[in-house]
């Protein structure tokens, strides 16, 4: 069964893309593979551009639809459970056995918080108790 982690920005104005890049850098140090599930093409481009330049001292290897890259940005879900999946979709991922770890990043604005609450309820209904990190 998948582990689900919510990162809630309660006071910080930090954007989802910024926090995703910082988390990716941390996870890659453990040699984990990261899948950025992102059906929104504009957001895919933002993630792609930001992963190139957000840390001037290191490059985070990635690619759009490049499944052999350490970080894959894709409009589709991965077909194997070797990935840590960041969910940039507005719905919870209900294919829980397919993933080892799902990460949800919730920005500090009312619309994002409402989407986050609905995702949280869905995971609970599916028998998962998400871990929450307040930032």
Protein backbone atom coordinates (compact mmCIF):
# COMPACT_ATOMS: atom_id res chain seq x y z
CA UNK A 1 0.00 0.00 0.00
CA UNK A 2 1.31 3.43 -0.89
CA UNK A 3 2.56 5.93 1.61
CA UNK A 4 1.01 9.40 1.13
CA UNK A 5 2.64 12.65 2.32
CA UNK A 6 1.04 16.09 2.32
CA UNK A 7 3.22 19.20 2.45
CA UNK A 8 1.03 22.11 3.58
CA UNK A 9 2.22 25.69 3.27
CA UNK A 10 0.29 27.42 6.04
CA UNK A 11 2.14 30.73 6.16
CA UNK A 12 4.69 30.60 3.39
CA UNK A 13 3.85 32.08 -0.02
CA UNK A 14 6.16 29.47 -1.59
CA UNK A 15 4.89 28.13 -4.89
CA UNK A 16 4.25 24.44 -5.57
CA UNK A 17 6.96 24.38 -8.26
CA UNK A 18 9.61 25.78 -5.85
CA UNK A 19 8.86 23.26 -3.12
CA UNK A 20 8.70 20.38 -5.61
CA UNK A 21 12.22 21.20 -6.83
CA UNK A 22 13.59 21.38 -3.28
CA UNK A 23 11.98 18.05 -2.38
CA UNK A 24 13.28 16.46 -5.60
CA UNK A 25 16.83 17.53 -4.72
CA UNK A 26 16.50 15.97 -1.26
CA UNK A 27 14.96 12.72 -2.56
CA UNK A 28 17.56 12.31 -5.33
CA UNK A 29 20.31 12.27 -2.70
CA UNK A 30 18.82 8.92 -1.62
CA UNK A 31 18.96 7.70 -5.25
CA UNK A 32 15.19 7.43 -5.53
CA UNK A 33 13.41 7.89 -8.88
CA UNK A 34 10.85 10.69 -9.10
CA UNK A 35 7.76 10.92 -11.32
CA UNK A 36 6.12 14.34 -11.58
CA UNK A 37 2.56 13.47 -12.64
CA UNK A 38 1.36 16.64 -14.30
CA UNK A 39 -1.47 16.62 -16.88
CA UNK A 40 -1.26 20.44 -17.21
CA UNK A 41 1.18 21.20 -20.08
CA UNK A 42 1.86 24.75 -18.89
CA UNK A 43 2.81 23.47 -15.43
CA UNK A 44 5.01 20.80 -17.07
CA UNK A 45 6.96 23.59 -18.79
CA UNK A 46 7.31 25.52 -15.52
CA UNK A 47 8.65 22.43 -13.75
CA UNK A 48 11.01 21.69 -16.65
CA UNK A 49 12.41 25.24 -16.68
CA UNK A 50 12.71 25.52 -12.93
CA UNK A 51 14.49 22.17 -12.53
CA UNK A 52 17.19 23.54 -14.88
CA UNK A 53 17.95 26.64 -12.85
CA UNK A 54 16.54 26.60 -9.33
CA UNK A 55 19.86 25.51 -7.77
CA UNK A 56 22.89 27.23 -9.34
CA UNK A 57 25.28 24.74 -7.70
CA UNK A 58 23.68 21.56 -9.05
CA UNK A 59 21.59 20.38 -11.97
CA UNK A 60 18.64 18.05 -11.39
CA UNK A 61 18.60 15.59 -14.30
CA UNK A 62 15.09 15.37 -15.69
CA UNK A 63 13.00 15.28 -18.83
CA UNK A 64 9.44 15.47 -20.08
CA UNK A 65 8.26 11.93 -20.95
CA UNK A 66 11.81 10.62 -20.41
CA UNK A 67 11.32 7.52 -18.28
CA UNK A 68 15.05 6.85 -18.02
CA UNK A 69 15.77 10.22 -16.38
CA UNK A 70 15.98 10.36 -12.55
CA UNK A 71 13.05 12.83 -12.67
CA UNK A 72 10.34 12.24 -15.26
CA UNK A 73 7.68 14.89 -15.90
CA UNK A 74 4.64 13.28 -17.51
CA UNK A 75 0.94 13.69 -18.22
CA UNK A 76 0.62 9.92 -17.66
CA UNK A 77 1.09 7.86 -14.53
CA UNK A 78 4.07 5.49 -14.25
CA UNK A 79 3.53 1.81 -14.98
CA UNK A 80 5.85 0.50 -12.25
CA UNK A 81 6.08 1.15 -8.52
CA UNK A 82 9.77 2.12 -8.56
CA UNK A 83 8.83 5.82 -8.60
CA UNK A 84 8.00 8.37 -5.92
CA UNK A 85 5.03 10.17 -7.48
CA UNK A 86 4.40 13.89 -7.02
CA UNK A 87 0.73 14.47 -7.83
CA UNK A 88 0.07 17.78 -9.62
CA UNK A 89 -3.45 16.69 -10.58
CA UNK A 90 -6.53 18.07 -8.78
CA UNK A 91 -7.72 14.59 -7.77
CA UNK A 92 -6.20 12.06 -5.41
CA UNK A 93 -4.47 9.07 -7.01
CA UNK A 94 -6.73 6.10 -6.36
CA UNK A 95 -4.38 3.49 -7.91
CA UNK A 96 -2.63 3.15 -4.53
CA UNK A 97 -1.09 -0.33 -4.90
CA UNK A 98 0.69 0.93 -8.04
CA UNK A 99 2.85 3.44 -6.10
CA UNK A 100 5.23 3.24 -3.16
CA UNK A 101 4.96 6.90 -2.16
CA UNK A 102 2.66 9.75 -3.28
CA UNK A 103 3.53 13.36 -2.48
CA UNK A 104 0.93 16.13 -2.45
CA UNK A 105 2.06 19.77 -2.19
CA UNK A 106 -0.61 22.22 -1.05
CA UNK A 107 0.03 25.94 -1.58
CA UNK A 108 -1.14 28.62 0.83
CA UNK A 109 -4.30 29.78 -0.95
CA UNK A 110 -7.95 28.87 -0.39
CA UNK A 111 -8.50 27.07 -3.71
CA UNK A 112 -5.42 24.87 -3.22
CA UNK A 113 -6.40 24.15 0.39
CA UNK A 114 -9.91 23.05 -0.67
CA UNK A 115 -8.46 20.71 -3.33
CA UNK A 116 -6.05 19.39 -0.69
CA UNK A 117 -8.91 18.69 1.77
CA UNK A 118 -10.77 16.70 -0.90
CA UNK A 119 -7.65 14.69 -1.75
CA UNK A 120 -7.02 14.02 1.95
CA UNK A 121 -10.61 12.76 2.40
CA UNK A 122 -10.25 10.48 -0.63
CA UNK A 123 -7.04 8.90 0.71
CA UNK A 124 -8.69 8.36 4.12
CA UNK A 125 -11.69 6.74 2.41
CA UNK A 126 -9.24 4.42 0.60
CA UNK A 127 -7.76 3.32 3.94
CA UNK A 128 -4.63 5.50 3.95
CA UNK A 129 -3.72 7.86 6.76
CA UNK A 130 -1.61 10.51 5.04
CA UNK A 131 1.38 11.95 6.84
CA UNK A 132 1.19 15.76 7.03
CA UNK A 133 4.11 18.19 7.13
CA UNK A 134 3.19 21.80 7.91
CA UNK A 135 5.64 24.33 6.48
